[in-house]
Amino acid sequence: MAEEVVTTPIGIGVHGAKRLPSVEVDTFNIEIKDGDGFLGDRASKGAFQKIVEDLRKPLKKNGEDPLGKKSVKEIGKSELDEILVGEDVKAAALVHGAIEEFAKEFAYVIQRFFKNKVWEDTECIVVGGGFRQSRVGELAIARTDIILKSEGLKVDLIPIQYHPDEAGLIGCLHLAPSWIFEGYDSILAVDIGGSNIRCGVVETGWKKSKDLSKAQVWKSDLWKHAEDEPTREGAVERLIKMLKDLIKAADKDGFKLAPFIGISCPGVINEDGTIEKGAQNLPGNWESSKFNLPALIAEGIPTIGDHDTAVLMHNDGVAQGLSEVPFMQEFARWGVLTIGTGLGNARFTNRKKDTGKKDKDEKDDKKAKKGKD
C-alpha cells in the first residue's frame, strides 16, 4: 500500500518543512478574510479580468468598446500587451486604466498582509505567477510598487526573475539537502497547478555556482489536465509516466540524475505528505487523509539509478519563491506573492551561513583581552 512507502529517508527532510537548507519558511498559504470573501481574490488574474470588463460596460452600451466583442478571457495576455503599444489609443487607455485600478487593489492587499505580524518587517516581495509574464503584469507590479512607496510602506516589489513556468521547478532544488549537488548534476521536479501539471529535469549548475543561481530547466513536459478532466488516480498515473519519460531522456543525454524528486503543489502541505487544505482545484479529492502523493510517486518510481527515490513536497508559492533565494541575499526577510487563479503567498527569513568568521573574531577578542591583562 502507498501509505507504507517511505518517501523521505532519514536526513532528507520533511514535507512542507518550515526549515529548509537556505531559508526559514515563516508562513505560507495564509488566508485573510475580506468581507464575504478572501483578500487574495482582490489581486488575482480573475480580479484583473473583472476590472477590464467593468470598465467596458458603459462603453458597450454606446457601442464604443475599443476592445471589440471578445471577452477579456478570449483576448488573452499577449493581445493585451499588443494593445498597450498599438495605434488604438482608446484601447490602450482602457488597458492602462485597468492596470491602475488593479495596482490600487494589489497595494491594498499588500498593506493588509503587512498588518499580519509575520509579514510586518518584510523588506522585499517577489511577484510570480502567470500574470507576471506579460507587459501588463510588469506594469501593474511597477505601479503597485510606486503606490506603496508613496504611502510610506518601505518594501521593494519586483517581478520574479525566472519564467513563472520554470520558477516552481527550479525552486524545488532548494528543497534538497546540499550534499545531493556534490554527486549529481540534475533533479526531477514537478509543478502542479489547478489547470496544468508540469514536470522537468532541472540542471543544478552547482559546479558553476554553489548558490544555484545558474540552475536551469533542461527539459520539461506540460499536461493541461483541466482539459482532460481526469480522475485523481488517472492524474497520478499520468504524472508518474511523465517522470519516467524524463528519466529516460536524461539518461540518454548523459545526465547524472539525483535520486530525488521535488514537488510543488497547491495547499497546506503536512509533514507526512498529505494536503490539509487548498487543493480544491485539483482533479478529485487531494485533501483526503488517505491520499499521499509523495508516497504514490515513490511507489511508482522506487529507484532512480542505483538508489532509492526520495520525494519531498512543498507548497507551490513556496517553491516559486525558493527560485529567488540566490538573488535575495541582500535582504534578511522577504516574501513571494504569486498572481494566478488565486494569490499564493509565502514569507521567508534567510538562514545565516556559518562562515567561521564569528568564532575567529571571538578568539581574536579573547587574545587581545589576555594581552592587556
Protein backbone atom coordinates (compact mmCIF):
# COMPACT_ATOMS: atom_id res chain seq x y z
CA MET A 1 0.00 0.00 0.00
CA ALA A 2 1.12 3.59 -0.69
CA GLU A 3 0.95 4.62 2.95
CA GLU A 4 3.62 2.02 3.79
CA VAL A 5 6.16 3.55 1.40
CA VAL A 6 8.92 5.61 3.00
CA THR A 7 9.08 8.84 0.96
CA THR A 8 11.61 10.81 2.99
CA PRO A 9 14.68 8.80 4.07
CA ILE A 10 16.32 9.86 7.33
CA GLY A 11 18.21 13.12 6.89
CA ILE A 12 16.47 14.20 3.69
CA GLY A 13 13.80 16.43 5.32
CA VAL A 14 10.02 16.57 5.78
CA HIS A 15 7.21 17.67 3.52
CA GLY A 16 6.06 21.27 3.88
CA ALA A 17 9.13 21.97 6.04
CA LYS A 18 9.49 25.29 7.87
CA ARG A 19 13.28 24.94 7.99
CA LEU A 20 14.98 24.50 4.62
CA PRO A 21 18.69 24.50 3.72
CA SER A 22 18.75 28.21 2.80
CA VAL A 23 15.70 29.75 4.48
CA GLU A 24 13.18 29.54 7.27
CA VAL A 25 9.64 29.45 5.87
CA ASP A 26 7.93 31.81 8.32
CA THR A 27 4.46 31.31 6.86
CA PHE A 28 2.79 30.24 3.62
CA ASN A 29 -0.66 29.96 2.10
CA ILE A 30 -2.25 32.21 4.73
CA GLU A 31 -5.87 33.12 4.02
CA ILE A 32 -7.10 36.52 5.15
CA LYS A 33 -10.86 37.12 5.13
CA ASP A 34 -12.06 40.32 3.50
CA GLY A 35 -15.79 40.93 3.70
CA ASP A 36 -17.59 37.92 2.23
CA GLY A 37 -14.52 36.50 0.52
CA PHE A 38 -10.78 36.16 0.77
CA LEU A 39 -8.34 39.04 0.46
CA GLY A 40 -6.30 37.31 -2.24
CA ASP A 41 -9.31 37.30 -4.57
CA ARG A 42 -8.87 41.07 -4.96
CA ALA A 43 -5.45 40.59 -6.60
CA SER A 44 -5.88 37.54 -8.81
CA LYS A 45 -5.93 37.04 -12.56
CA GLY A 46 -9.74 36.92 -12.37
CA ALA A 47 -9.79 40.20 -10.46
CA PHE A 48 -7.89 41.95 -13.25
CA GLN A 49 -10.22 40.50 -15.88
CA LYS A 50 -13.24 41.74 -13.93
CA ILE A 51 -11.76 45.25 -13.74
CA VAL A 52 -11.34 45.28 -17.53
CA GLU A 53 -14.91 44.12 -18.08
CA ASP A 54 -16.29 46.67 -15.61
CA LEU A 55 -14.52 49.48 -17.49
CA ARG A 56 -16.01 48.20 -20.75
CA LYS A 57 -19.64 48.03 -19.59
CA PRO A 58 -20.62 51.71 -20.06
CA LEU A 59 -18.75 51.79 -23.38
CA LYS A 60 -20.59 48.73 -24.68
CA LYS A 61 -23.94 50.43 -24.11
CA ASN A 62 -22.91 53.18 -26.53
CA GLY A 63 -21.29 50.76 -28.95
CA GLU A 64 -17.89 52.33 -28.29
CA ASP A 65 -15.97 49.46 -26.68
CA PRO A 66 -12.44 49.77 -28.14
CA LEU A 67 -11.72 46.10 -27.36
CA GLY A 68 -14.50 44.88 -29.65
CA LYS A 69 -16.80 41.92 -28.99
CA LYS A 70 -14.31 39.48 -27.45
CA SER A 71 -14.38 38.90 -23.71
CA VAL A 72 -11.16 39.68 -21.87
CA LYS A 73 -10.63 35.94 -21.32
CA GLU A 74 -10.69 35.44 -25.11
CA ILE A 75 -8.31 38.34 -25.68
CA GLY A 76 -5.53 36.93 -23.51
CA LYS A 77 -2.30 38.41 -22.14
CA SER A 78 -0.31 38.67 -25.37
CA GLU A 79 -3.07 40.56 -27.17
CA LEU A 80 -3.47 42.96 -24.25
CA ASP A 81 0.28 43.59 -24.40
CA GLU A 82 -0.02 44.44 -28.10
CA ILE A 83 -2.91 46.82 -27.37
CA LEU A 84 -0.69 48.75 -24.94
CA VAL A 85 1.72 49.69 -27.74
CA GLY A 86 -0.79 49.69 -30.60
CA GLU A 87 -2.21 52.58 -32.62
CA ASP A 88 -5.66 52.42 -31.00
CA VAL A 89 -5.07 54.91 -28.19
CA LYS A 90 -8.54 54.42 -26.68
CA ALA A 91 -7.98 50.68 -26.33
CA ALA A 92 -4.54 51.34 -24.85
CA ALA A 93 -6.03 53.88 -22.44
CA LEU A 94 -8.63 51.37 -21.27
CA VAL A 95 -5.96 48.74 -20.54
CA HIS A 96 -3.83 51.34 -18.73
CA GLY A 97 -6.89 52.27 -16.67
CA ALA A 98 -7.37 48.61 -15.71
CA ILE A 99 -3.69 48.39 -14.71
CA GLU A 100 -4.11 51.44 -12.47
CA GLU A 101 -7.22 50.04 -10.78
CA PHE A 102 -5.59 46.64 -10.28
CA ALA A 103 -2.45 48.24 -8.85
CA LYS A 104 -4.56 50.07 -6.26
CA GLU A 105 -6.22 46.80 -5.26
CA PHE A 106 -2.89 44.97 -5.15
CA ALA A 107 -1.37 47.70 -2.99
CA TYR A 108 -4.33 47.43 -0.60
CA VAL A 109 -3.87 43.65 -0.37
CA ILE A 110 -0.15 44.00 0.39
CA GLN A 111 -0.87 46.63 3.06
CA ARG A 112 -3.27 44.17 4.68
CA PHE A 113 -0.58 41.47 4.60
CA PHE A 114 1.73 43.84 6.46
CA LYS A 115 -0.78 44.04 9.29
CA ASN A 116 -0.04 40.36 9.89
CA LYS A 117 2.77 40.17 12.46
CA VAL A 118 4.78 37.65 10.42
CA TRP A 119 4.80 39.95 7.36
CA GLU A 120 5.25 43.35 9.03
CA ASP A 121 9.07 43.56 8.67
CA THR A 122 9.29 42.18 5.12
CA GLU A 123 11.93 44.04 3.10
CA CYS A 124 11.25 42.75 -0.41
CA ILE A 125 8.40 40.95 -2.17
CA VAL A 126 8.91 38.92 -5.34
CA VAL A 127 5.84 38.67 -7.57
CA GLY A 128 5.38 35.48 -9.57
CA GLY A 129 2.54 33.60 -11.23
CA GLY A 130 1.35 33.68 -14.82
CA PHE A 131 0.12 37.29 -14.63
CA ARG A 132 3.70 38.46 -14.11
CA GLN A 133 4.74 37.04 -17.50
CA SER A 134 3.26 39.90 -19.52
CA ARG A 135 3.87 43.60 -20.06
CA VAL A 136 0.53 44.28 -18.42
CA GLY A 137 1.66 42.33 -15.35
CA GLU A 138 5.04 44.05 -15.19
CA LEU A 139 3.41 47.49 -15.36
CA ALA A 140 0.91 46.52 -12.67
CA ILE A 141 3.74 45.37 -10.38
CA ALA A 142 5.77 48.55 -11.01
CA ARG A 143 2.74 50.78 -10.43
CA THR A 144 1.91 48.93 -7.20
CA ASP A 145 5.49 49.44 -6.01
CA ILE A 146 5.16 53.20 -6.62
CA ILE A 147 1.83 53.37 -4.77
CA LEU A 148 3.22 51.51 -1.76
CA LYS A 149 6.29 53.73 -1.53
CA SER A 150 4.21 56.90 -1.93
CA GLU A 151 2.10 55.75 1.02
CA GLY A 152 5.16 55.16 3.18
CA LEU A 153 5.48 51.38 3.04
CA LYS A 154 9.19 50.58 2.84
CA VAL A 155 9.25 47.43 0.74
CA ASP A 156 10.67 46.62 -2.70
CA LEU A 157 8.22 44.94 -5.10
CA ILE A 158 9.91 43.15 -8.01
CA PRO A 159 8.93 40.60 -10.69
CA ILE A 160 10.28 37.09 -10.25
CA GLN A 161 13.44 36.58 -12.33
CA TYR A 162 12.77 33.14 -13.78
CA HIS A 163 9.89 32.48 -16.15
CA PRO A 164 6.88 31.60 -13.94
CA ASP A 165 6.51 28.30 -15.82
CA GLU A 166 10.02 27.33 -14.69
CA ALA A 167 10.33 29.05 -11.30
CA GLY A 168 8.36 26.36 -9.46
CA LEU A 169 10.55 23.63 -10.94
CA ILE A 170 13.82 25.44 -10.18
CA GLY A 171 12.63 26.26 -6.67
CA CYS A 172 12.39 22.53 -5.94
CA LEU A 173 16.21 22.45 -5.93
CA HIS A 174 16.13 24.37 -2.66
CA LEU A 175 14.10 21.61 -1.01
CA ALA A 176 17.02 19.19 -1.43
CA PRO A 177 19.93 18.88 1.02
CA SER A 178 23.14 20.36 -0.36
CA TRP A 179 25.05 17.05 -0.38
CA ILE A 180 22.91 15.93 -3.33
CA PHE A 181 24.56 18.53 -5.57
CA GLU A 182 28.05 17.15 -4.98
CA GLY A 183 27.31 13.85 -6.66
CA TYR A 184 24.62 14.72 -9.22
CA ASP A 185 24.05 17.40 -11.85
CA SER A 186 20.24 17.41 -12.04
CA ILE A 187 16.98 16.54 -10.30
CA LEU A 188 13.40 15.79 -11.28
CA ALA A 189 10.84 18.45 -10.34
CA VAL A 190 7.05 18.65 -10.54
CA ASP A 191 4.89 21.79 -10.54
CA ILE A 192 1.19 21.07 -10.04
CA GLY A 193 -1.44 23.70 -10.75
CA GLY A 194 -5.20 23.91 -10.99
CA SER A 195 -5.08 23.71 -14.81
CA ASN A 196 -1.68 22.20 -15.63
CA ILE A 197 0.92 19.76 -14.40
CA ARG A 198 4.49 20.45 -15.48
CA CYS A 199 7.40 18.03 -14.92
CA GLY A 200 11.02 18.84 -15.67
CA VAL A 201 14.66 17.93 -15.41
CA VAL A 202 16.42 20.79 -13.63
CA GLU A 203 20.17 21.25 -14.08
CA THR A 204 21.69 22.39 -10.80
CA GLY A 205 24.57 24.41 -12.29
CA TRP A 206 26.27 23.71 -8.95
CA LYS A 207 29.78 23.48 -10.41
CA LYS A 208 29.36 26.97 -11.89
CA SER A 209 27.74 28.49 -8.82
CA LYS A 210 27.28 26.91 -5.41
CA ASP A 211 24.29 29.16 -4.65
CA LEU A 212 22.30 27.53 -7.50
CA SER A 213 21.95 30.85 -9.32
CA LYS A 214 22.94 29.13 -12.59
CA ALA A 215 20.21 26.49 -12.36
CA GLN A 216 18.04 25.98 -15.41
CA VAL A 217 15.34 23.68 -16.76
CA TRP A 218 16.89 21.33 -19.31
CA LYS A 219 13.69 19.67 -20.45
CA SER A 220 10.06 19.83 -19.35
CA ASP A 221 6.73 18.27 -20.19
CA LEU A 222 3.37 20.00 -19.78
CA TRP A 223 -0.03 18.37 -19.35
CA LYS A 224 -3.15 20.57 -19.38
CA HIS A 225 -5.11 18.25 -17.13
CA ALA A 226 -8.11 20.59 -16.81
CA GLU A 227 -8.94 19.93 -20.46
CA ASP A 228 -8.96 16.15 -19.95
CA GLU A 229 -10.82 16.16 -16.60
CA PRO A 230 -9.04 13.05 -15.28
CA THR A 231 -9.78 11.19 -12.06
CA ARG A 232 -7.34 11.66 -9.18
CA GLU A 233 -5.86 8.24 -9.81
CA GLY A 234 -5.63 8.94 -13.54
CA ALA A 235 -3.77 12.17 -12.84
CA VAL A 236 -1.22 10.37 -10.66
CA GLU A 237 -0.68 7.67 -13.29
CA ARG A 238 -0.09 10.29 -15.98
CA LEU A 239 2.29 12.20 -13.71
CA ILE A 240 4.38 9.10 -12.99
CA LYS A 241 4.56 8.32 -16.72
CA MET A 242 5.76 11.87 -17.44
CA LEU A 243 8.52 11.47 -14.86
CA LYS A 244 9.59 8.07 -16.20
CA ASP A 245 9.85 9.52 -19.72
CA LEU A 246 12.05 12.35 -18.39
CA ILE A 247 14.29 9.85 -16.57
CA LYS A 248 14.84 8.01 -19.86
CA ALA A 249 15.56 11.26 -21.71
CA ALA A 250 18.02 12.45 -19.05
CA ASP A 251 19.80 9.10 -19.01
CA LYS A 252 20.04 9.09 -22.80
CA ASP A 253 21.56 12.58 -22.78
CA GLY A 254 24.15 11.66 -20.17
CA PHE A 255 22.79 13.46 -17.13
CA LYS A 256 23.62 12.20 -13.66
CA LEU A 257 20.13 12.45 -12.22
CA ALA A 258 19.83 12.55 -8.42
CA PRO A 259 17.52 10.01 -6.72
CA PHE A 260 15.34 12.93 -5.64
CA ILE A 261 12.01 14.34 -6.81
CA GLY A 262 10.82 17.76 -5.65
CA ILE A 263 7.11 18.55 -5.87
CA SER A 264 5.43 21.97 -5.92
CA CYS A 265 1.72 21.65 -5.09
CA PRO A 266 -1.12 24.00 -4.07
CA GLY A 267 -2.34 23.95 -0.49
CA VAL A 268 -1.15 23.50 3.05
CA ILE A 269 1.29 20.57 2.99
CA ASN A 270 1.52 18.40 6.10
CA GLU A 271 4.77 16.78 7.25
CA ASP A 272 3.51 13.32 6.30
CA GLY A 273 2.84 14.38 2.68
CA THR A 274 -0.94 14.78 2.93
CA ILE A 275 -2.63 18.04 1.98
CA GLU A 276 -4.63 19.76 4.72
CA LYS A 277 -6.48 22.29 2.53
CA GLY A 278 -6.15 24.48 -0.55
CA ALA A 279 -6.14 21.76 -3.23
CA GLN A 280 -9.77 22.15 -4.26
CA ASN A 281 -8.91 22.99 -7.89
CA LEU A 282 -7.06 19.69 -8.46
CA PRO A 283 -8.78 16.65 -10.04
CA GLY A 284 -10.58 14.61 -7.37
CA ASN A 285 -10.15 14.86 -3.62
CA TRP A 286 -6.47 15.59 -2.90
CA GLU A 287 -7.25 16.67 0.66
CA SER A 288 -8.18 13.18 1.83
CA SER A 289 -6.08 11.87 4.73
CA LYS A 290 -5.79 8.61 2.76
CA PHE A 291 -4.25 10.30 -0.29
CA ASN A 292 -0.48 10.76 -0.21
CA LEU A 293 1.01 11.96 -3.50
CA PRO A 294 4.71 11.67 -2.49
CA ALA A 295 4.13 8.08 -1.36
CA LEU A 296 2.39 7.20 -4.63
CA ILE A 297 5.20 8.70 -6.69
CA ALA A 298 7.84 6.86 -4.65
CA GLU A 299 5.84 3.68 -5.15
CA GLY A 300 5.65 4.26 -8.92
CA ILE A 301 9.34 5.24 -9.19
CA PRO A 302 11.04 3.30 -6.36
CA THR A 303 14.58 3.90 -7.61
CA ILE A 304 16.49 6.37 -9.78
CA GLY A 305 19.82 4.95 -10.88
CA ASP A 306 21.15 2.69 -8.13
CA HIS A 307 19.45 4.42 -5.19
CA ASP A 308 16.03 4.59 -3.54
CA THR A 309 13.97 7.58 -4.60
CA ALA A 310 13.47 10.38 -2.07
CA VAL A 311 10.44 12.62 -2.60
CA LEU A 312 9.79 15.99 -0.96
CA MET A 313 6.72 18.17 -1.49
CA HIS A 314 6.03 21.78 -0.58
CA ASN A 315 3.51 24.49 -1.35
CA ASP A 316 3.63 25.93 -4.89
CA GLY A 317 4.01 29.52 -3.71
CA VAL A 318 6.92 28.48 -1.51
CA ALA A 319 8.56 26.66 -4.43
CA GLN A 320 8.27 29.67 -6.74
CA GLY A 321 9.74 31.88 -4.07
CA LEU A 322 12.64 29.50 -3.44
CA SER A 323 13.85 30.03 -7.01
CA GLU A 324 14.76 33.58 -5.88
CA VAL A 325 16.93 32.51 -2.92
CA PRO A 326 20.27 33.28 -4.67
CA PHE A 327 19.07 36.79 -5.57
CA MET A 328 17.60 37.71 -2.17
CA GLN A 329 20.78 37.60 -0.11
CA GLU A 330 20.85 41.38 0.49
CA PHE A 331 17.60 41.04 2.45
CA ALA A 332 17.10 39.29 5.77
CA ARG A 333 13.33 38.89 5.41
CA TRP A 334 11.46 38.65 2.13
CA GLY A 335 8.32 37.18 0.62
CA VAL A 336 6.64 35.98 -2.54
CA LEU A 337 3.16 36.62 -3.94
CA THR A 338 2.01 34.61 -6.96
CA ILE A 339 -0.81 36.04 -9.05
CA GLY A 340 -2.82 33.30 -10.73
CA THR A 341 -6.22 31.72 -10.12
CA GLY A 342 -5.73 32.97 -6.55
CA LEU A 343 -2.95 34.78 -4.73
CA GLY A 344 -0.26 32.42 -3.45
CA ASN A 345 1.94 33.71 -0.66
CA ALA A 346 4.98 32.83 1.43
CA ARG A 347 7.33 34.70 3.76
CA PHE A 348 10.99 33.75 4.27
CA THR A 349 13.88 34.59 6.56
CA ASN A 350 17.31 33.88 5.13
CA ARG A 351 19.39 31.49 7.20
CA LYS A 352 22.82 32.88 8.03
CA LYS A 353 25.66 30.84 6.64
CA ASP A 354 28.25 29.74 9.21
CA THR A 355 31.47 31.13 7.75
CA GLY A 356 33.54 30.68 10.90
CA LYS A 357 34.24 34.44 10.96
CA LYS A 358 32.33 34.99 14.20
CA ASP A 359 34.33 32.30 16.01
CA LYS A 360 37.60 33.77 14.67
CA ASP A 361 36.63 37.29 15.78
CA GLU A 362 35.74 35.99 19.26
CA LYS A 363 39.12 34.24 19.54
CA ASP A 364 40.94 37.43 18.42
CA ASP A 365 39.00 39.44 21.04
CA LYS A 366 39.97 36.97 23.77
CA LYS A 367 43.64 37.13 22.72
CA ALA A 368 43.59 40.94 22.75
CA LYS A 369 41.97 40.99 26.19
CA LYS A 370 44.51 38.47 27.52
CA GLY A 371 47.37 40.63 26.20
CA LYS A 372 46.02 43.67 28.03
CA ASP A 373 45.71 41.71 31.26
